[in-house]
Amino acid sequence: MKLKEFRVVSLLIVMIVGAVAGFSVSIGNSVLAVSVILAGMAVMYNLKHRLEGVVEDERIHQVSQKASHVTLQIVALGLAIGGVVLIAMRNTYPGYTDLGFFMAYASLGILVLYSLFYKYYNREYAG
């Protein structure tokens, strides 16, 4: 399969999965939504392995790594700041305190997970 065909087919799959998942959520059938999303992921995985002529080099991996790292930093910082702000405003907006704690704990979870993976890969690729 060529790259252009892959892009067209993957766009169609994403549109179909989005429509079916949205419909199933609107009727209250969460099992159908989850199964359609998982089936779409499996089809996309199989299509990606049939793709011809795409070569990934070190530059692509390095750009992806840097983009992922910056995204992780922005999300963790945004969750931490948002959580602290919502917790600090608990007297004015008491309904958002739980959301603030969730955001703060999510940020903490992301940082702990990052630390564990960093430690693992540091040992894995150490000389």
N, C-alpha and C. Protein backbone atom coordinates (compact mmCIF):
# COMPACT_ATOMS: atom_id res chain seq x y z
N MET A 1 0.85 -1.17 0.00
CA MET A 1 0.00 0.00 0.00
C MET A 1 0.90 1.23 0.00
N LYS A 2 0.57 2.17 -0.83
CA LYS A 2 1.33 3.41 -0.93
C LYS A 2 0.91 4.38 0.17
N LEU A 3 1.73 5.39 0.38
CA LEU A 3 1.48 6.36 1.46
C LEU A 3 0.18 7.12 1.23
N LYS A 4 -0.09 7.51 0.00
CA LYS A 4 -1.32 8.26 -0.29
C LYS A 4 -2.56 7.42 -0.02
N GLU A 5 -2.53 6.15 -0.42
CA GLU A 5 -3.65 5.26 -0.15
C GLU A 5 -3.83 5.06 1.35
N PHE A 6 -2.72 4.92 2.06
CA PHE A 6 -2.78 4.74 3.51
C PHE A 6 -3.44 5.93 4.18
N ARG A 7 -3.09 7.13 3.75
CA ARG A 7 -3.68 8.33 4.35
C ARG A 7 -5.18 8.40 4.10
N VAL A 8 -5.62 8.05 2.89
CA VAL A 8 -7.05 8.09 2.56
C VAL A 8 -7.81 7.04 3.38
N VAL A 9 -7.28 5.83 3.40
CA VAL A 9 -7.95 4.76 4.13
C VAL A 9 -7.96 5.04 5.63
N SER A 10 -6.87 5.55 6.16
CA SER A 10 -6.85 5.84 7.59
C SER A 10 -7.80 6.98 7.95
N LEU A 11 -7.95 7.96 7.06
CA LEU A 11 -8.92 9.03 7.30
C LEU A 11 -10.34 8.47 7.32
N LEU A 12 -10.64 7.57 6.40
CA LEU A 12 -11.96 6.96 6.38
C LEU A 12 -12.21 6.13 7.64
N ILE A 13 -11.20 5.40 8.08
CA ILE A 13 -11.36 4.59 9.29
C ILE A 13 -11.60 5.48 10.50
N VAL A 14 -10.86 6.58 10.60
CA VAL A 14 -11.04 7.49 11.73
C VAL A 14 -12.43 8.11 11.71
N MET A 15 -12.91 8.47 10.53
CA MET A 15 -14.25 9.06 10.44
C MET A 15 -15.32 8.04 10.83
N ILE A 16 -15.18 6.81 10.36
CA ILE A 16 -16.17 5.77 10.69
C ILE A 16 -16.14 5.44 12.18
N VAL A 17 -14.94 5.29 12.73
CA VAL A 17 -14.83 4.99 14.16
C VAL A 17 -15.39 6.13 14.99
N GLY A 18 -15.10 7.36 14.61
CA GLY A 18 -15.64 8.51 15.34
C GLY A 18 -17.15 8.58 15.28
N ALA A 19 -17.71 8.32 14.11
CA ALA A 19 -19.17 8.36 13.97
C ALA A 19 -19.84 7.25 14.78
N VAL A 20 -19.32 6.04 14.67
CA VAL A 20 -19.93 4.92 15.39
C VAL A 20 -19.74 5.08 16.90
N ALA A 21 -18.57 5.52 17.32
CA ALA A 21 -18.34 5.72 18.76
C ALA A 21 -19.24 6.84 19.30
N GLY A 22 -19.37 7.91 18.55
CA GLY A 22 -20.25 9.00 18.98
C GLY A 22 -21.69 8.55 19.07
N PHE A 23 -22.14 7.78 18.07
CA PHE A 23 -23.51 7.27 18.09
C PHE A 23 -23.73 6.33 19.26
N SER A 24 -22.76 5.44 19.50
CA SER A 24 -22.93 4.48 20.58
C SER A 24 -22.93 5.15 21.96
N VAL A 25 -22.15 6.22 22.10
CA VAL A 25 -22.17 6.96 23.36
C VAL A 25 -23.51 7.68 23.53
N SER A 26 -24.04 8.20 22.43
CA SER A 26 -25.31 8.92 22.52
C SER A 26 -26.47 8.01 22.88
N ILE A 27 -26.40 6.73 22.48
CA ILE A 27 -27.47 5.79 22.86
C ILE A 27 -27.16 5.08 24.17
N GLY A 28 -25.97 5.33 24.73
CA GLY A 28 -25.62 4.77 26.03
C GLY A 28 -24.99 3.39 25.99
N ASN A 29 -24.46 2.99 24.82
CA ASN A 29 -23.84 1.68 24.70
C ASN A 29 -22.32 1.85 24.70
N SER A 30 -21.73 1.80 25.88
CA SER A 30 -20.29 2.02 25.99
C SER A 30 -19.48 0.83 25.50
N VAL A 31 -20.04 -0.36 25.55
CA VAL A 31 -19.33 -1.55 25.07
C VAL A 31 -19.08 -1.45 23.57
N LEU A 32 -20.08 -0.99 22.84
CA LEU A 32 -19.92 -0.82 21.40
C LEU A 32 -18.87 0.24 21.09
N ALA A 33 -18.86 1.33 21.86
CA ALA A 33 -17.88 2.40 21.63
C ALA A 33 -16.47 1.90 21.85
N VAL A 34 -16.24 1.19 22.94
CA VAL A 34 -14.90 0.68 23.23
C VAL A 34 -14.48 -0.35 22.20
N SER A 35 -15.40 -1.24 21.81
CA SER A 35 -15.05 -2.28 20.84
C SER A 35 -14.76 -1.69 19.46
N VAL A 36 -15.48 -0.66 19.06
CA VAL A 36 -15.23 -0.03 17.76
C VAL A 36 -13.88 0.69 17.78
N ILE A 37 -13.56 1.35 18.87
CA ILE A 37 -12.27 2.04 18.98
C ILE A 37 -11.13 1.03 18.94
N LEU A 38 -11.25 -0.07 19.67
CA LEU A 38 -10.21 -1.10 19.66
C LEU A 38 -10.07 -1.75 18.28
N ALA A 39 -11.21 -1.99 17.62
CA ALA A 39 -11.15 -2.57 16.27
C ALA A 39 -10.49 -1.60 15.29
N GLY A 40 -10.80 -0.33 15.41
CA GLY A 40 -10.17 0.67 14.55
C GLY A 40 -8.67 0.75 14.78
N MET A 41 -8.26 0.66 16.04
CA MET A 41 -6.83 0.66 16.35
C MET A 41 -6.14 -0.56 15.74
N ALA A 42 -6.79 -1.72 15.81
CA ALA A 42 -6.21 -2.94 15.25
C ALA A 42 -6.08 -2.84 13.73
N VAL A 43 -7.10 -2.30 13.07
CA VAL A 43 -7.04 -2.14 11.62
C VAL A 43 -5.95 -1.16 11.23
N MET A 44 -5.83 -0.05 11.96
CA MET A 44 -4.77 0.93 11.65
C MET A 44 -3.39 0.32 11.87
N TYR A 45 -3.24 -0.51 12.88
CA TYR A 45 -1.96 -1.17 13.15
C TYR A 45 -1.59 -2.10 11.99
N ASN A 46 -2.57 -2.87 11.52
CA ASN A 46 -2.31 -3.77 10.39
C ASN A 46 -2.01 -3.00 9.12
N LEU A 47 -2.71 -1.91 8.88
CA LEU A 47 -2.45 -1.12 7.68
C LEU A 47 -1.07 -0.49 7.71
N LYS A 48 -0.63 -0.07 8.88
CA LYS A 48 0.68 0.57 8.98
C LYS A 48 1.80 -0.42 8.65
N HIS A 49 1.60 -1.68 8.98
CA HIS A 49 2.62 -2.68 8.67
C HIS A 49 2.63 -3.06 7.19
N ARG A 50 1.55 -2.80 6.48
CA ARG A 50 1.51 -3.06 5.04
C ARG A 50 2.01 -1.89 4.20
N LEU A 51 2.35 -0.82 4.86
CA LEU A 51 2.80 0.38 4.18
C LEU A 51 4.15 0.16 3.53
N GLU A 52 4.28 0.56 2.28
CA GLU A 52 5.52 0.37 1.52
C GLU A 52 6.22 1.69 1.31
N GLY A 53 7.53 1.64 1.30
CA GLY A 53 8.32 2.79 0.89
C GLY A 53 8.53 3.86 1.94
N VAL A 54 8.11 3.63 3.18
CA VAL A 54 8.33 4.61 4.21
C VAL A 54 9.56 4.19 5.01
N VAL A 55 10.54 5.05 5.02
CA VAL A 55 11.78 4.76 5.73
C VAL A 55 11.89 5.72 6.91
N GLU A 56 12.12 5.16 8.09
CA GLU A 56 12.31 5.98 9.28
C GLU A 56 13.79 5.97 9.63
N ASP A 57 14.34 7.14 9.80
CA ASP A 57 15.74 7.23 10.15
C ASP A 57 15.89 7.84 11.54
N GLU A 58 17.13 8.09 11.92
CA GLU A 58 17.39 8.61 13.26
C GLU A 58 16.82 10.01 13.45
N ARG A 59 16.78 10.80 12.39
CA ARG A 59 16.26 12.16 12.48
C ARG A 59 14.77 12.14 12.85
N ILE A 60 14.01 11.26 12.24
CA ILE A 60 12.58 11.16 12.54
C ILE A 60 12.38 10.76 13.99
N HIS A 61 13.17 9.81 14.45
CA HIS A 61 13.05 9.39 15.85
C HIS A 61 13.46 10.51 16.81
N GLN A 62 14.48 11.26 16.45
CA GLN A 62 14.93 12.34 17.32
C GLN A 62 13.90 13.46 17.38
N VAL A 63 13.32 13.82 16.24
CA VAL A 63 12.29 14.85 16.23
C VAL A 63 11.08 14.40 17.04
N SER A 64 10.68 13.15 16.87
CA SER A 64 9.55 12.61 17.63
C SER A 64 9.84 12.61 19.12
N GLN A 65 11.06 12.25 19.48
CA GLN A 65 11.45 12.23 20.89
C GLN A 65 11.40 13.62 21.50
N LYS A 66 11.92 14.61 20.78
CA LYS A 66 11.91 15.98 21.30
C LYS A 66 10.49 16.52 21.41
N ALA A 67 9.65 16.23 20.41
CA ALA A 67 8.26 16.69 20.45
C ALA A 67 7.52 16.05 21.61
N SER A 68 7.74 14.77 21.85
CA SER A 68 7.10 14.08 22.96
C SER A 68 7.55 14.65 24.31
N HIS A 69 8.82 14.94 24.41
CA HIS A 69 9.36 15.46 25.67
C HIS A 69 8.78 16.84 25.98
N VAL A 70 8.72 17.71 24.99
CA VAL A 70 8.15 19.05 25.21
C VAL A 70 6.66 18.95 25.53
N THR A 71 5.95 18.06 24.84
CA THR A 71 4.52 17.88 25.12
C THR A 71 4.31 17.40 26.54
N LEU A 72 5.13 16.46 26.98
CA LEU A 72 5.03 15.96 28.35
C LEU A 72 5.27 17.07 29.35
N GLN A 73 6.27 17.90 29.10
CA GLN A 73 6.55 19.01 30.02
C GLN A 73 5.40 20.00 30.08
N ILE A 74 4.84 20.33 28.94
CA ILE A 74 3.74 21.30 28.91
C ILE A 74 2.50 20.76 29.61
N VAL A 75 2.17 19.49 29.35
CA VAL A 75 0.97 18.90 29.97
C VAL A 75 1.14 18.79 31.48
N ALA A 76 2.30 18.30 31.92
CA ALA A 76 2.52 18.16 33.36
C ALA A 76 2.50 19.51 34.05
N LEU A 77 3.15 20.50 33.46
CA LEU A 77 3.17 21.84 34.05
C LEU A 77 1.77 22.46 34.05
N GLY A 78 1.04 22.29 32.96
CA GLY A 78 -0.32 22.83 32.88
C GLY A 78 -1.24 22.21 33.91
N LEU A 79 -1.15 20.89 34.07
CA LEU A 79 -1.98 20.23 35.08
C LEU A 79 -1.59 20.68 36.49
N ALA A 80 -0.31 20.80 36.74
CA ALA A 80 0.14 21.21 38.08
C ALA A 80 -0.31 22.63 38.40
N ILE A 81 -0.11 23.55 37.48
CA ILE A 81 -0.50 24.94 37.72
C ILE A 81 -2.01 25.06 37.83
N GLY A 82 -2.74 24.39 36.92
CA GLY A 82 -4.20 24.43 36.99
C GLY A 82 -4.73 23.85 38.28
N GLY A 83 -4.12 22.76 38.73
CA GLY A 83 -4.54 22.15 39.99
C GLY A 83 -4.29 23.05 41.18
N VAL A 84 -3.12 23.67 41.21
CA VAL A 84 -2.79 24.57 42.32
C VAL A 84 -3.74 25.77 42.33
N VAL A 85 -4.03 26.32 41.16
CA VAL A 85 -4.93 27.48 41.09
C VAL A 85 -6.33 27.10 41.57
N LEU A 86 -6.83 25.94 41.12
CA LEU A 86 -8.17 25.54 41.54
C LEU A 86 -8.23 25.20 43.03
N ILE A 87 -7.18 24.61 43.55
CA ILE A 87 -7.15 24.32 44.99
C ILE A 87 -7.05 25.62 45.78
N ALA A 88 -6.28 26.58 45.31
CA ALA A 88 -6.13 27.86 46.01
C ALA A 88 -7.44 28.65 46.00
N MET A 89 -8.28 28.45 45.01
CA MET A 89 -9.55 29.17 44.91
C MET A 89 -10.70 28.39 45.53
N ARG A 90 -10.39 27.48 46.46
CA ARG A 90 -11.44 26.63 47.03
C ARG A 90 -12.48 27.40 47.83
N ASN A 91 -12.12 28.56 48.37
CA ASN A 91 -13.10 29.34 49.12
C ASN A 91 -14.07 30.06 48.19
N THR A 92 -13.57 30.50 47.04
CA THR A 92 -14.42 31.20 46.07
C THR A 92 -15.25 30.23 45.25
N TYR A 93 -14.62 29.16 44.76
CA TYR A 93 -15.28 28.16 43.92
C TYR A 93 -15.09 26.77 44.54
N PRO A 94 -15.88 26.43 45.55
CA PRO A 94 -15.66 25.15 46.23
C PRO A 94 -15.98 23.93 45.36
N GLY A 95 -16.74 24.11 44.31
CA GLY A 95 -17.09 22.99 43.45
C GLY A 95 -15.93 22.48 42.60
N TYR A 96 -14.90 23.31 42.43
CA TYR A 96 -13.78 22.93 41.59
C TYR A 96 -12.58 22.39 42.37
N THR A 97 -12.73 22.24 43.66
CA THR A 97 -11.62 21.76 44.48
C THR A 97 -11.24 20.32 44.10
N ASP A 98 -12.24 19.47 43.91
CA ASP A 98 -11.95 18.09 43.53
C ASP A 98 -11.24 18.02 42.18
N LEU A 99 -11.64 18.85 41.24
CA LEU A 99 -10.97 18.90 39.95
C LEU A 99 -9.52 19.35 40.11
N GLY A 100 -9.30 20.31 41.00
CA GLY A 100 -7.94 20.78 41.26
C GLY A 100 -7.06 19.68 41.83
N PHE A 101 -7.60 18.91 42.78
CA PHE A 101 -6.83 17.80 43.33
C PHE A 101 -6.58 16.73 42.27
N PHE A 102 -7.58 16.46 41.43
CA PHE A 102 -7.39 15.49 40.36
C PHE A 102 -6.28 15.92 39.41
N MET A 103 -6.29 17.21 39.04
CA MET A 103 -5.25 17.71 38.14
C MET A 103 -3.87 17.63 38.79
N ALA A 104 -3.79 17.96 40.07
CA ALA A 104 -2.50 17.90 40.77
C ALA A 104 -2.01 16.46 40.87
N TYR A 105 -2.89 15.54 41.20
CA TYR A 105 -2.49 14.13 41.28
C TYR A 105 -2.16 13.56 39.90
N ALA A 106 -2.88 13.99 38.87
CA ALA A 106 -2.55 13.53 37.52
C ALA A 106 -1.16 14.01 37.11
N SER A 107 -0.84 15.24 37.45
CA SER A 107 0.50 15.76 37.16
C SER A 107 1.55 14.96 37.91
N LEU A 108 1.29 14.67 39.15
CA LEU A 108 2.22 13.86 39.95
C LEU A 108 2.37 12.46 39.35
N GLY A 109 1.27 11.87 38.92
CA GLY A 109 1.32 10.55 38.30
C GLY A 109 2.13 10.55 37.01
N ILE A 110 1.98 11.59 36.21
CA ILE A 110 2.74 11.70 34.97
C ILE A 110 4.23 11.80 35.27
N LEU A 111 4.58 12.61 36.25
CA LEU A 111 5.99 12.76 36.60
C LEU A 111 6.59 11.48 37.18
N VAL A 112 5.83 10.76 38.00
CA VAL A 112 6.32 9.50 38.55
C VAL A 112 6.50 8.47 37.42
N LEU A 113 5.53 8.40 36.53
CA LEU A 113 5.63 7.48 35.40
C LEU A 113 6.82 7.82 34.51
N TYR A 114 7.03 9.09 34.27
CA TYR A 114 8.19 9.53 33.48
C TYR A 114 9.49 9.12 34.17
N SER A 115 9.55 9.31 35.47
CA SER A 115 10.76 8.96 36.21
C SER A 115 11.03 7.46 36.15
N LEU A 116 9.99 6.65 36.27
CA LEU A 116 10.17 5.21 36.20
C LEU A 116 10.66 4.77 34.81
N PHE A 117 10.05 5.31 33.77
CA PHE A 117 10.49 4.97 32.41
C PHE A 117 11.89 5.48 32.13
N TYR A 118 12.21 6.65 32.64
CA TYR A 118 13.56 7.18 32.45
C TYR A 118 14.60 6.28 33.11
N LYS A 119 14.28 5.85 34.32
CA LYS A 119 15.20 4.96 35.04
C LYS A 119 15.35 3.63 34.29
N TYR A 120 14.25 3.08 33.79
CA TYR A 120 14.29 1.82 33.07
C TYR A 120 15.13 1.93 31.79
N TYR A 121 14.84 2.94 30.98
CA TYR A 121 15.56 3.08 29.72
C TYR A 121 17.01 3.51 29.93
N ASN A 122 17.28 4.21 31.00
CA ASN A 122 18.65 4.56 31.31
C ASN A 122 19.48 3.32 31.62
N ARG A 123 18.88 2.37 32.33
CA ARG A 123 19.56 1.11 32.61
C ARG A 123 19.63 0.23 31.35
N GLU A 124 18.56 0.26 30.56
CA GLU A 124 18.50 -0.59 29.37
C GLU A 124 19.56 -0.20 28.33
N TYR A 125 19.74 1.09 28.12
CA TYR A 125 20.64 1.56 27.08
C TYR A 125 21.99 2.03 27.61
N ALA A 126 22.25 1.80 28.89
CA ALA A 126 23.55 2.19 29.45
C ALA A 126 24.62 1.23 28.95
N GLY A 127 25.81 1.75 28.75
CA GLY A 127 26.90 0.93 28.21
C GLY A 127 27.48 0.04 29.21
